[in-house]
Amino acid sequence: MIRRRKGAAPRDRRIAPFGLRTRLVLAFLLVAAVSAGTTATLTYREARSAVLASAQDTAVASFREQVETLAPGLPIDPVLLREYLFVIASKSKPHPWVVFAEYGSLRVSSGTNPASTVITPDLRRMTLARSRGSFQRVVSDGVPYLTIGVPVLVRTGPGSSMPSGLVLFAVMRMTDEEANVDALVTAARDGALPGLAAALIPALIAARGVLRPVRQLRRAARSMGSGRLDTRIPVRGSDELADLARTFNESAGQLERSVDELQQAEARARRFASDVSHELRTPLAGMLAVTEVLDEDADGLDPDTARAVRLISAETGKLAVLVEDLMEISRFDARAAELNTDEVDVGETVRKTLDHRRWSERVRTDLPDGIRARLDPRRFDVVVANLVGNALRHGSEPVTVRLSVQGELLVIDVADSGPGIRPEVLPHIFERFYKADAARTRSAGSGLGLAITQENVRLHGGTIRAANGPDGGAVLTVEIPLHGPHGSQEATA
């Protein structure tokens, strides 16, 4: 039987701390941050190289020109050499520099110290190895310097020269260039933060565009779960999300067609069972009348004929019960079962049910007087009779019927003293034609008794459940509203 869950409450949603929206925005910002960082780094490197190279090229070219123009001759006179150094230092550019001269053990400079602590041995070695000299950028005590070394050459003939042994060095601070580089770093950092903030807006827009179809899919899935199989999703565009929506719609259409086919087949099966039951009812009534007459006269027949007559009478009676149960269950399936309630004394109604079926001697009762409830007497009689009859057939005596009131509920417990119900059977005990023992093909009942009981209890707005008692034996419990299925609404109105 296909049942749709109508009005089912939505399941509780557990939202992850980092949902899809958060992850999309973070991914977008991460990409933007990496792009901005990479661009800023490359720009910084290029700008820094350009700034330093410009100052460096100017200083090297100028110092080399000054040395070649004003190179002192040999032999070296320390006083005259210092004058040359002052002249060269006065023409420094782009920034002031201090000029140092080294000739053997002689050390002279245009500054206060004759020797420099910034000039490295590597620069001295490279300067002596190259006729046009060399340069280095060094940092001493956190201050950047450009150091330039140029050897002084003496002419040995037309177009030829040789090192004189005198080497001149220029030491120039590059604080201005360092300040410019720091300004570039600050500008790159200050520009990246607003860029990331601006990237948040398109990130949110992109996340919204991705999440909108996901939300539609979630609502559609929830709608289908509640039984609305005609739910579809609007398909927009031709991207992957549109393909997902199209696939969902196709699957929903196939599911709707399959459910319709199953429902039609189920309706045909119910109609067939109902029609057959109706058609069998009339001839069965005649057969029952005949078998009752034959059963009454069976004592006058020979033993074999009497046994056959009683067997036919018993089987005809079971068939009549089965037909009546099939017709009753068909009315429930067709939602044609009606509830005709009346206010009754429940304990007295239960006693009548037991007396009518001659079970009073076999059943223990705990039926307090004065419990009144609004019930359909005929259907309540069926409920009690099916529960007690089932306990007598499949359990063991004594069977106990207890009646109590819990709040606004009437509670009926029917317990037997048998071995109880196996745990794997409990979930199926109210199913139609369910047999707990597959080897048992025949039973005294129709196989619909507990199913009809459950439908009658539901019709009263109640519930029924099965369990095993603490001391063994099966216990079936029915809870029905004292004031009928619509008692609370009527009281409110």
Protein backbone atom coordinates (compact mmCIF):
# COMPACT_ATOMS: atom_id res chain seq x y z
CA MET A 1 0.00 0.00 0.00
CA ILE A 2 1.40 3.36 -1.03
CA ARG A 3 0.94 6.08 1.55
CA ARG A 4 1.78 9.72 1.14
CA ARG A 5 2.99 11.67 4.09
CA LYS A 6 0.78 14.72 4.14
CA GLY A 7 1.40 17.51 6.59
CA ALA A 8 4.52 15.83 7.89
CA ALA A 9 6.61 18.12 10.01
CA PRO A 10 9.93 19.11 8.41
CA ARG A 11 12.92 17.36 9.82
CA ASP A 12 15.31 19.31 11.96
CA ARG A 13 18.14 20.77 9.94
CA ARG A 14 21.64 20.81 11.25
CA ILE A 15 23.58 23.55 9.52
CA ALA A 16 27.32 23.00 9.41
CA PRO A 17 29.44 25.77 10.95
CA PHE A 18 30.94 26.43 7.50
CA GLY A 19 28.06 26.17 5.06
CA LEU A 20 28.29 26.26 1.29
CA ARG A 21 27.83 30.05 1.21
CA THR A 22 30.68 30.60 3.69
CA ARG A 23 32.97 28.24 1.82
CA LEU A 24 32.23 29.91 -1.53
CA VAL A 25 32.89 33.38 -0.12
CA LEU A 26 36.09 32.23 1.60
CA ALA A 27 37.29 30.54 -1.60
CA PHE A 28 36.54 33.68 -3.62
CA LEU A 29 38.35 35.89 -1.10
CA LEU A 30 41.28 33.47 -0.99
CA VAL A 31 41.65 33.63 -4.76
CA ALA A 32 41.36 37.41 -4.65
CA ALA A 33 43.96 37.61 -1.85
CA VAL A 34 46.39 35.34 -3.69
CA SER A 35 45.94 37.32 -6.91
CA ALA A 36 46.36 40.65 -5.12
CA GLY A 37 49.37 39.38 -3.18
CA THR A 38 51.06 37.97 -6.28
CA THR A 39 50.44 41.14 -8.27
CA ALA A 40 51.66 43.34 -5.42
CA THR A 41 54.81 41.22 -4.95
CA LEU A 42 55.72 41.28 -8.62
CA THR A 43 55.02 45.01 -8.87
CA TYR A 44 57.08 45.66 -5.75
CA ARG A 45 60.01 43.67 -7.08
CA GLU A 46 59.99 45.44 -10.44
CA ALA A 47 59.58 48.90 -8.94
CA ARG A 48 62.29 48.25 -6.34
CA SER A 49 64.71 47.04 -8.98
CA ALA A 50 63.96 50.06 -11.14
CA VAL A 51 64.48 52.52 -8.26
CA LEU A 52 67.75 50.93 -7.12
CA ALA A 53 69.08 50.40 -10.62
CA SER A 54 68.51 54.02 -11.57
CA ALA A 55 70.45 55.37 -8.58
CA GLN A 56 73.09 52.69 -8.89
CA ASP A 57 73.74 53.26 -12.64
CA THR A 58 73.98 57.01 -12.15
CA ALA A 59 76.43 56.70 -9.27
CA VAL A 60 78.66 54.08 -10.95
CA ALA A 61 78.88 56.00 -14.24
CA SER A 62 79.57 59.29 -12.49
CA PHE A 63 82.25 57.87 -10.17
CA ARG A 64 83.97 56.03 -13.00
CA GLU A 65 84.04 59.21 -15.08
CA GLN A 66 85.47 61.25 -12.21
CA VAL A 67 88.22 58.69 -11.54
CA GLU A 68 89.23 58.53 -15.20
CA THR A 69 89.24 62.31 -15.50
CA LEU A 70 90.93 63.25 -12.24
CA ALA A 71 93.15 60.22 -11.63
CA PRO A 72 96.32 61.22 -9.79
CA GLY A 73 99.66 60.35 -11.22
CA LEU A 74 102.55 58.40 -9.69
CA PRO A 75 104.35 58.54 -7.33
CA ILE A 76 101.51 58.98 -4.83
CA ASP A 77 101.60 62.02 -2.60
CA PRO A 78 99.17 61.53 0.33
CA VAL A 79 98.38 65.24 0.62
CA LEU A 80 97.83 65.69 -3.08
CA LEU A 81 95.84 62.42 -3.21
CA ARG A 82 93.49 63.68 -0.51
CA GLU A 83 92.88 66.85 -2.51
CA TYR A 84 91.92 64.68 -5.49
CA LEU A 85 89.50 62.76 -3.29
CA PHE A 86 87.83 65.96 -2.12
CA VAL A 87 87.36 67.04 -5.72
CA ILE A 88 85.84 63.71 -6.69
CA ALA A 89 83.59 63.71 -3.60
CA SER A 90 82.35 67.21 -4.44
CA LYS A 91 81.01 65.95 -7.76
CA SER A 92 79.07 62.98 -6.37
CA LYS A 93 75.60 62.20 -7.67
CA PRO A 94 72.84 61.32 -7.29
CA HIS A 95 73.69 61.44 -3.54
CA PRO A 96 76.81 62.51 -1.62
CA TRP A 97 79.47 59.91 -1.29
CA VAL A 98 82.76 59.47 0.57
CA VAL A 99 85.81 58.56 -1.48
CA PHE A 100 88.48 56.18 -0.15
CA ALA A 101 91.89 55.49 -1.69
CA GLU A 102 93.98 52.38 -1.09
CA TYR A 103 97.55 52.05 -2.34
CA GLY A 104 99.56 49.35 -0.68
CA SER A 105 99.36 50.14 3.04
CA LEU A 106 98.36 53.75 2.38
CA ARG A 107 94.75 54.63 3.33
CA VAL A 108 93.32 58.08 2.53
CA SER A 109 89.72 59.30 2.34
CA SER A 110 87.62 62.41 1.86
CA GLY A 111 85.92 61.70 5.16
CA THR A 112 86.97 61.55 8.79
CA ASN A 113 88.17 57.94 8.71
CA PRO A 114 90.88 56.86 6.29
CA ALA A 115 89.37 53.38 5.87
CA SER A 116 85.79 52.21 5.41
CA THR A 117 84.11 49.37 7.31
CA VAL A 118 81.47 49.00 4.58
CA ILE A 119 83.86 47.99 1.77
CA THR A 120 84.01 44.21 1.64
CA PRO A 121 86.95 41.97 0.66
CA ASP A 122 84.85 40.65 -2.23
CA LEU A 123 84.53 44.15 -3.68
CA ARG A 124 88.27 44.69 -3.37
CA ARG A 125 88.99 41.40 -5.13
CA MET A 126 86.52 42.05 -7.95
CA THR A 127 87.78 45.62 -8.39
CA LEU A 128 91.37 44.50 -8.81
CA ALA A 129 90.30 41.80 -11.26
CA ARG A 130 88.40 44.15 -13.58
CA SER A 131 89.82 47.22 -15.28
CA ARG A 132 86.46 49.04 -15.09
CA GLY A 133 85.94 48.14 -11.47
CA SER A 134 82.92 46.74 -9.70
CA PHE A 135 80.14 47.64 -7.20
CA GLN A 136 78.08 46.13 -4.37
CA ARG A 137 74.95 46.91 -2.39
CA VAL A 138 75.49 46.20 1.29
CA VAL A 139 73.58 46.87 4.50
CA SER A 140 75.50 47.85 7.62
CA ASP A 141 73.71 48.49 10.91
CA GLY A 142 70.42 48.60 9.03
CA VAL A 143 71.60 51.30 6.61
CA PRO A 144 71.78 50.45 2.88
CA TYR A 145 74.94 51.49 1.03
CA LEU A 146 76.16 51.40 -2.53
CA THR A 147 79.93 50.75 -2.69
CA ILE A 148 81.85 51.30 -5.93
CA GLY A 149 85.45 50.36 -6.64
CA VAL A 150 87.46 51.62 -9.62
CA PRO A 151 91.22 50.93 -10.20
CA VAL A 152 93.40 53.83 -11.37
CA LEU A 153 95.23 52.99 -14.61
CA VAL A 154 98.46 54.42 -16.04
CA ARG A 155 99.14 54.60 -19.76
CA THR A 156 101.95 52.53 -21.04
CA GLY A 157 101.56 53.56 -24.67
CA PRO A 158 99.06 54.60 -27.28
CA GLY A 159 95.83 52.72 -26.53
CA SER A 160 97.35 50.67 -23.72
CA SER A 161 97.34 51.00 -19.94
CA MET A 162 97.98 49.02 -16.79
CA PRO A 163 96.81 49.14 -13.14
CA SER A 164 98.81 51.58 -11.07
CA GLY A 165 98.02 49.76 -7.80
CA LEU A 166 95.91 52.67 -6.62
CA VAL A 167 92.22 51.83 -6.09
CA LEU A 168 89.48 54.36 -5.36
CA PHE A 169 86.23 53.47 -3.61
CA ALA A 170 83.04 55.48 -3.28
CA VAL A 171 80.59 54.75 -0.45
CA MET A 172 77.10 56.25 -0.90
CA ARG A 173 74.07 55.92 1.39
CA MET A 174 70.85 54.79 -0.33
CA THR A 175 68.39 55.88 2.34
CA ASP A 176 66.22 57.81 -0.12
CA GLU A 177 65.82 54.77 -2.34
CA GLU A 178 65.04 52.62 0.72
CA ALA A 179 62.37 55.11 1.75
CA ASN A 180 60.88 54.90 -1.73
CA VAL A 181 60.83 51.10 -1.53
CA ASP A 182 59.14 51.22 1.90
CA ALA A 183 56.56 53.56 0.44
CA LEU A 184 55.88 50.99 -2.29
CA VAL A 185 55.35 48.26 0.34
CA THR A 186 52.98 50.49 2.29
CA ALA A 187 51.04 51.36 -0.86
CA ALA A 188 50.75 47.69 -1.85
CA ARG A 189 49.49 46.73 1.62
CA ASP A 190 47.05 49.63 1.84
CA GLY A 191 45.75 48.87 -1.64
CA ALA A 192 45.26 45.14 -0.97
CA LEU A 193 42.88 45.53 1.98
CA PRO A 194 40.29 47.71 0.18
CA GLY A 195 40.65 45.35 -2.80
CA LEU A 196 39.73 42.37 -0.63
CA ALA A 197 36.79 44.28 0.85
CA ALA A 198 35.61 45.15 -2.63
CA ALA A 199 35.99 41.49 -3.66
CA LEU A 200 33.52 40.49 -0.92
CA ILE A 201 30.61 42.02 -2.87
CA PRO A 202 31.05 39.94 -6.07
CA ALA A 203 31.78 36.94 -3.82
CA LEU A 204 28.40 37.30 -2.13
CA ILE A 205 26.68 37.82 -5.48
CA ALA A 206 28.37 34.73 -6.94
CA ALA A 207 27.51 32.65 -3.85
CA ARG A 208 23.89 33.76 -4.09
CA GLY A 209 23.78 32.76 -7.74
CA VAL A 210 25.10 29.30 -6.91
CA LEU A 211 22.95 28.79 -3.82
CA ARG A 212 19.64 29.86 -5.38
CA PRO A 213 19.25 26.62 -7.42
CA VAL A 214 20.43 24.62 -4.42
CA ARG A 215 17.73 26.18 -2.25
CA GLN A 216 15.14 25.51 -4.93
CA LEU A 217 16.30 21.90 -5.10
CA ARG A 218 16.04 21.56 -1.32
CA ARG A 219 12.51 22.99 -1.24
CA ALA A 220 11.48 20.76 -4.14
CA ALA A 221 12.91 17.65 -2.46
CA ARG A 222 11.10 18.53 0.77
CA SER A 223 7.88 19.11 -1.16
CA MET A 224 8.18 15.72 -2.83
CA GLY A 225 8.93 14.13 0.51
CA SER A 226 5.63 15.51 1.82
CA GLY A 227 3.77 13.80 -1.02
CA ARG A 228 3.52 16.54 -3.69
CA LEU A 229 4.99 14.52 -6.54
CA ASP A 230 4.08 17.14 -9.17
CA THR A 231 6.77 19.47 -7.79
CA ARG A 232 9.18 20.75 -10.44
CA ILE A 233 12.12 23.18 -10.54
CA PRO A 234 12.36 26.08 -13.05
CA VAL A 235 15.22 25.42 -15.48
CA ARG A 236 17.22 28.53 -16.35
CA GLY A 237 20.31 28.66 -18.53
CA SER A 238 22.38 25.76 -19.78
CA ASP A 239 25.07 25.32 -17.13
CA GLU A 240 25.66 22.43 -14.71
CA LEU A 241 23.01 23.70 -12.29
CA ALA A 242 20.48 23.80 -15.11
CA ASP A 243 21.39 20.18 -15.94
CA LEU A 244 20.89 19.27 -12.28
CA ALA A 245 17.44 20.90 -12.26
CA ARG A 246 16.51 19.19 -15.52
CA THR A 247 17.65 15.80 -14.15
CA PHE A 248 15.63 16.36 -10.96
CA ASN A 249 12.51 17.19 -12.99
CA GLU A 250 12.95 14.09 -15.15
CA SER A 251 13.42 11.87 -12.08
CA ALA A 252 10.40 13.46 -10.38
CA GLY A 253 8.31 12.85 -13.50
CA GLN A 254 9.33 9.19 -13.64
CA LEU A 255 8.62 8.77 -9.92
CA GLU A 256 5.20 10.40 -10.29
CA ARG A 257 4.28 8.11 -13.17
CA SER A 258 5.47 5.03 -11.25
CA VAL A 259 3.49 6.02 -8.16
CA ASP A 260 0.40 6.68 -10.27
CA GLU A 261 0.69 3.26 -11.86
CA LEU A 262 1.12 1.61 -8.45
CA GLN A 263 -1.84 3.49 -7.05
CA GLN A 264 -4.00 2.53 -9.99
CA ALA A 265 -2.96 -1.11 -9.60
CA GLU A 266 -3.64 -0.93 -5.88
CA ALA A 267 -7.05 0.64 -6.49
CA ARG A 268 -7.91 -2.10 -8.99
CA ALA A 269 -6.84 -4.76 -6.49
CA ARG A 270 -8.96 -3.18 -3.75
CA ARG A 271 -11.94 -2.85 -6.06
CA PHE A 272 -11.53 -6.47 -7.11
CA ALA A 273 -11.40 -7.67 -3.48
CA SER A 274 -14.42 -5.54 -2.62
CA ASP A 275 -16.40 -6.72 -5.63
CA VAL A 276 -15.55 -10.36 -4.98
CA SER A 277 -16.51 -10.00 -1.32
CA HIS A 278 -19.86 -8.47 -2.23
CA GLU A 279 -20.52 -11.16 -4.83
CA LEU A 280 -19.64 -13.91 -2.34
CA ARG A 281 -21.71 -12.48 0.47
CA THR A 282 -25.13 -13.46 -0.91
CA PRO A 283 -24.36 -17.09 -1.84
CA LEU A 284 -22.46 -17.48 1.43
CA ALA A 285 -25.52 -16.39 3.36
CA GLY A 286 -27.49 -19.18 1.69
CA MET A 287 -24.71 -21.67 2.30
CA LEU A 288 -24.55 -20.72 5.98
CA ALA A 289 -28.27 -21.26 6.38
CA VAL A 290 -28.03 -24.69 4.77
CA THR A 291 -24.96 -25.74 6.75
CA GLU A 292 -26.59 -24.65 10.01
CA VAL A 293 -29.56 -26.88 9.25
CA LEU A 294 -27.28 -29.75 8.28
CA ASP A 295 -25.15 -29.16 11.37
CA GLU A 296 -28.20 -29.40 13.61
CA ASP A 297 -29.19 -32.71 11.98
CA ALA A 298 -25.64 -34.13 11.93
CA ASP A 299 -26.22 -36.24 15.02
CA GLY A 300 -28.72 -38.33 13.03
CA LEU A 301 -26.25 -39.11 10.25
CA ASP A 302 -23.62 -41.81 10.08
CA PRO A 303 -20.25 -40.79 11.66
CA ASP A 304 -18.38 -40.14 8.39
CA THR A 305 -21.20 -38.07 6.92
CA ALA A 306 -21.64 -36.16 10.20
CA ARG A 307 -17.89 -35.34 10.33
CA ALA A 308 -18.00 -34.11 6.72
CA VAL A 309 -21.08 -31.98 7.42
CA ARG A 310 -19.47 -30.37 10.49
CA LEU A 311 -16.25 -29.70 8.50
CA ILE A 312 -18.23 -28.03 5.72
CA SER A 313 -20.15 -25.99 8.28
CA ALA A 314 -16.94 -24.84 10.04
CA GLU A 315 -15.13 -23.93 6.82
CA THR A 316 -18.18 -22.10 5.51
CA GLY A 317 -18.27 -20.10 8.73
CA LYS A 318 -14.55 -19.17 8.36
CA LEU A 319 -15.14 -18.16 4.76
CA ALA A 320 -18.04 -15.96 5.83
CA VAL A 321 -15.79 -14.30 8.47
CA LEU A 322 -13.08 -13.74 5.86
CA VAL A 323 -15.55 -12.17 3.44
CA GLU A 324 -16.91 -9.88 6.16
CA ASP A 325 -13.36 -8.84 7.15
CA LEU A 326 -12.44 -8.19 3.51
CA MET A 327 -15.47 -6.00 3.08
CA GLU A 328 -14.64 -4.15 6.30
CA ILE A 329 -11.02 -3.54 5.30
CA SER A 330 -12.22 -2.38 1.86
CA ARG A 331 -14.37 0.25 3.53
CA PHE A 332 -11.32 1.50 5.45
CA ASP A 333 -9.25 1.63 2.25
CA ALA A 334 -12.01 3.53 0.46
CA ARG A 335 -12.30 5.89 3.45
CA ALA A 336 -15.94 4.92 3.63
CA ALA A 337 -15.83 3.70 7.23
CA GLU A 338 -17.93 5.88 9.51
CA LEU A 339 -17.78 6.43 13.24
CA ASN A 340 -21.12 6.59 15.07
CA THR A 341 -20.15 7.59 18.57
CA ASP A 342 -22.14 7.56 21.76
CA GLU A 343 -21.19 8.07 25.38
CA VAL A 344 -20.97 4.62 26.96
CA ASP A 345 -19.85 2.96 30.17
CA VAL A 346 -16.64 1.36 28.98
CA GLY A 347 -16.42 -1.34 31.66
CA GLU A 348 -19.98 -2.46 30.97
CA THR A 349 -19.31 -2.50 27.22
CA VAL A 350 -16.28 -4.75 27.71
CA ARG A 351 -18.25 -7.14 29.92
CA LYS A 352 -20.97 -7.41 27.26
CA THR A 353 -18.35 -8.25 24.65
CA LEU A 354 -16.91 -11.04 26.80
CA ASP A 355 -20.35 -12.38 27.80
CA HIS A 356 -21.61 -12.35 24.23
CA ARG A 357 -18.72 -14.55 23.13
CA ARG A 358 -18.78 -16.69 26.30
CA TRP A 359 -15.25 -15.65 27.30
CA SER A 360 -16.10 -14.40 30.78
CA GLU A 361 -14.89 -17.61 32.44
CA ARG A 362 -11.60 -17.57 30.54
CA VAL A 363 -10.66 -13.91 30.92
CA ARG A 364 -9.65 -12.01 34.04
CA THR A 365 -10.83 -8.43 34.15
CA ASP A 366 -9.93 -5.25 35.95
CA LEU A 367 -12.76 -2.95 34.88
CA PRO A 368 -13.36 -0.02 37.24
CA ASP A 369 -16.93 1.27 37.25
CA GLY A 370 -17.85 4.73 36.17
CA ILE A 371 -15.39 5.18 33.28
CA ARG A 372 -17.36 6.78 30.49
CA ALA A 373 -16.06 7.56 27.03
CA ARG A 374 -17.40 8.65 23.68
CA LEU A 375 -17.03 5.57 21.45
CA ASP A 376 -18.62 3.77 18.54
CA PRO A 377 -20.03 0.76 20.48
CA ARG A 378 -19.97 -1.59 17.48
CA ARG A 379 -16.39 -0.78 16.48
CA PHE A 380 -15.19 -0.81 20.10
CA ASP A 381 -16.76 -4.26 20.45
CA VAL A 382 -14.74 -5.38 17.41
CA VAL A 383 -11.54 -3.96 18.95
CA VAL A 384 -11.99 -5.78 22.28
CA ALA A 385 -13.18 -9.00 20.63
CA ASN A 386 -10.22 -9.13 18.21
CA LEU A 387 -7.65 -8.45 20.94
CA VAL A 388 -9.08 -10.99 23.38
CA GLY A 389 -9.72 -13.57 20.65
CA ASN A 390 -6.16 -13.19 19.37
CA ALA A 391 -4.80 -13.62 22.92
CA LEU A 392 -6.88 -16.77 23.49
CA ARG A 393 -5.88 -18.31 20.13
CA HIS A 394 -2.15 -17.49 20.02
CA GLY A 395 -1.30 -16.91 23.72
CA SER A 396 -2.11 -18.90 26.81
CA GLU A 397 -4.72 -18.43 29.48
CA PRO A 398 -5.29 -16.66 31.71
CA VAL A 399 -5.95 -13.58 29.57
CA THR A 400 -6.34 -10.31 31.42
CA VAL A 401 -8.21 -7.17 30.32
CA ARG A 402 -7.41 -4.00 32.26
CA LEU A 403 -9.16 -0.67 31.91
CA SER A 404 -7.76 2.66 33.14
CA VAL A 405 -7.74 6.38 32.45
CA GLN A 406 -4.55 8.37 31.94
CA GLY A 407 -5.25 12.08 31.55
CA GLU A 408 -7.64 12.44 28.62
CA LEU A 409 -6.95 8.92 27.35
CA LEU A 410 -8.84 5.68 27.84
CA VAL A 411 -6.30 2.84 28.13
CA ILE A 412 -7.15 -0.83 27.52
CA ASP A 413 -4.48 -3.50 28.12
CA VAL A 414 -5.02 -7.08 26.93
CA ALA A 415 -2.33 -9.46 28.21
CA ASP A 416 -1.93 -13.21 27.82
CA SER A 417 0.29 -15.75 29.59
CA GLY A 418 1.92 -17.21 26.52
CA PRO A 419 5.56 -17.12 25.39
CA GLY A 420 5.23 -13.56 24.11
CA ILE A 421 6.01 -12.13 20.68
CA ARG A 422 9.44 -12.47 19.10
CA PRO A 423 11.20 -9.11 18.68
CA GLU A 424 11.46 -9.48 14.90
CA VAL A 425 7.69 -10.04 14.69
CA LEU A 426 6.61 -7.01 16.73
CA PRO A 427 6.97 -4.42 13.91
CA HIS A 428 4.71 -6.51 11.60
CA ILE A 429 2.03 -7.76 13.95
CA PHE A 430 -0.60 -5.33 12.65
CA GLU A 431 0.10 -6.02 8.95
CA ARG A 432 -2.57 -7.73 6.89
CA PHE A 433 -2.27 -11.51 6.51
CA TYR A 434 1.08 -11.43 8.34
CA LYS A 435 2.08 -14.83 9.73
CA ALA A 436 4.65 -14.91 12.49
CA ASP A 437 5.30 -18.59 11.72
CA ALA A 438 5.86 -19.15 7.99
CA ALA A 439 5.23 -22.89 8.41
CA ARG A 440 1.72 -22.20 9.73
CA THR A 441 -0.55 -21.92 6.67
CA ARG A 442 -3.94 -22.07 8.37
CA SER A 443 -5.26 -20.21 11.38
CA ALA A 444 -8.57 -19.89 13.09
CA GLY A 445 -8.77 -16.20 12.16
CA SER A 446 -8.91 -14.44 8.83
CA GLY A 447 -5.46 -12.82 9.15
CA LEU A 448 -7.11 -9.39 9.13
CA GLY A 449 -8.25 -9.15 12.76
CA LEU A 450 -5.41 -7.02 14.17
CA ALA A 451 -5.28 -4.89 10.99
CA ILE A 452 -9.01 -4.14 11.36
CA THR A 453 -8.45 -3.44 15.06
CA GLN A 454 -5.75 -0.92 14.25
CA GLU A 455 -7.98 0.82 11.67
CA ASN A 456 -10.84 1.03 14.19
CA VAL A 457 -8.54 2.48 16.83
CA ARG A 458 -7.24 5.07 14.36
CA LEU A 459 -10.81 5.92 13.43
CA HIS A 460 -11.36 6.76 17.11
CA GLY A 461 -8.24 8.99 17.03
CA GLY A 462 -6.26 6.54 19.15
CA THR A 463 -3.16 4.36 18.94
CA ILE A 464 -2.37 0.71 19.48
CA ARG A 465 0.94 -0.96 20.26
CA ALA A 466 2.23 -4.44 21.04
CA ALA A 467 4.94 -5.44 23.48
CA ASN A 468 5.98 -8.21 25.83
CA GLY A 469 5.18 -8.03 29.53
CA PRO A 470 7.94 -8.01 32.15
CA ASP A 471 6.84 -11.51 33.29
CA GLY A 472 6.34 -12.86 29.77
CA GLY A 473 3.29 -12.94 27.57
CA ALA A 474 2.14 -10.46 24.95
CA VAL A 475 0.55 -7.16 25.96
CA LEU A 476 -1.49 -5.15 23.46
CA THR A 477 -2.32 -1.63 24.57
CA VAL A 478 -4.99 0.66 23.10
CA GLU A 479 -5.19 4.37 23.90
CA ILE A 480 -8.30 6.28 22.79
CA PRO A 481 -9.33 9.88 23.57
CA LEU A 482 -12.09 9.87 26.18
CA HIS A 483 -14.06 12.53 24.31
CA GLY A 484 -13.80 11.10 20.85
CA PRO A 485 -11.41 11.89 17.97
CA HIS A 486 -12.56 15.52 17.77
CA GLY A 487 -13.19 16.06 21.45
CA SER A 488 -10.42 18.61 21.91
CA GLN A 489 -11.58 20.68 18.91
CA GLU A 490 -15.20 20.61 20.04
CA ALA A 491 -14.15 21.63 23.53
CA THR A 492 -12.14 24.49 22.11
CA ALA A 493 -15.02 25.60 19.86
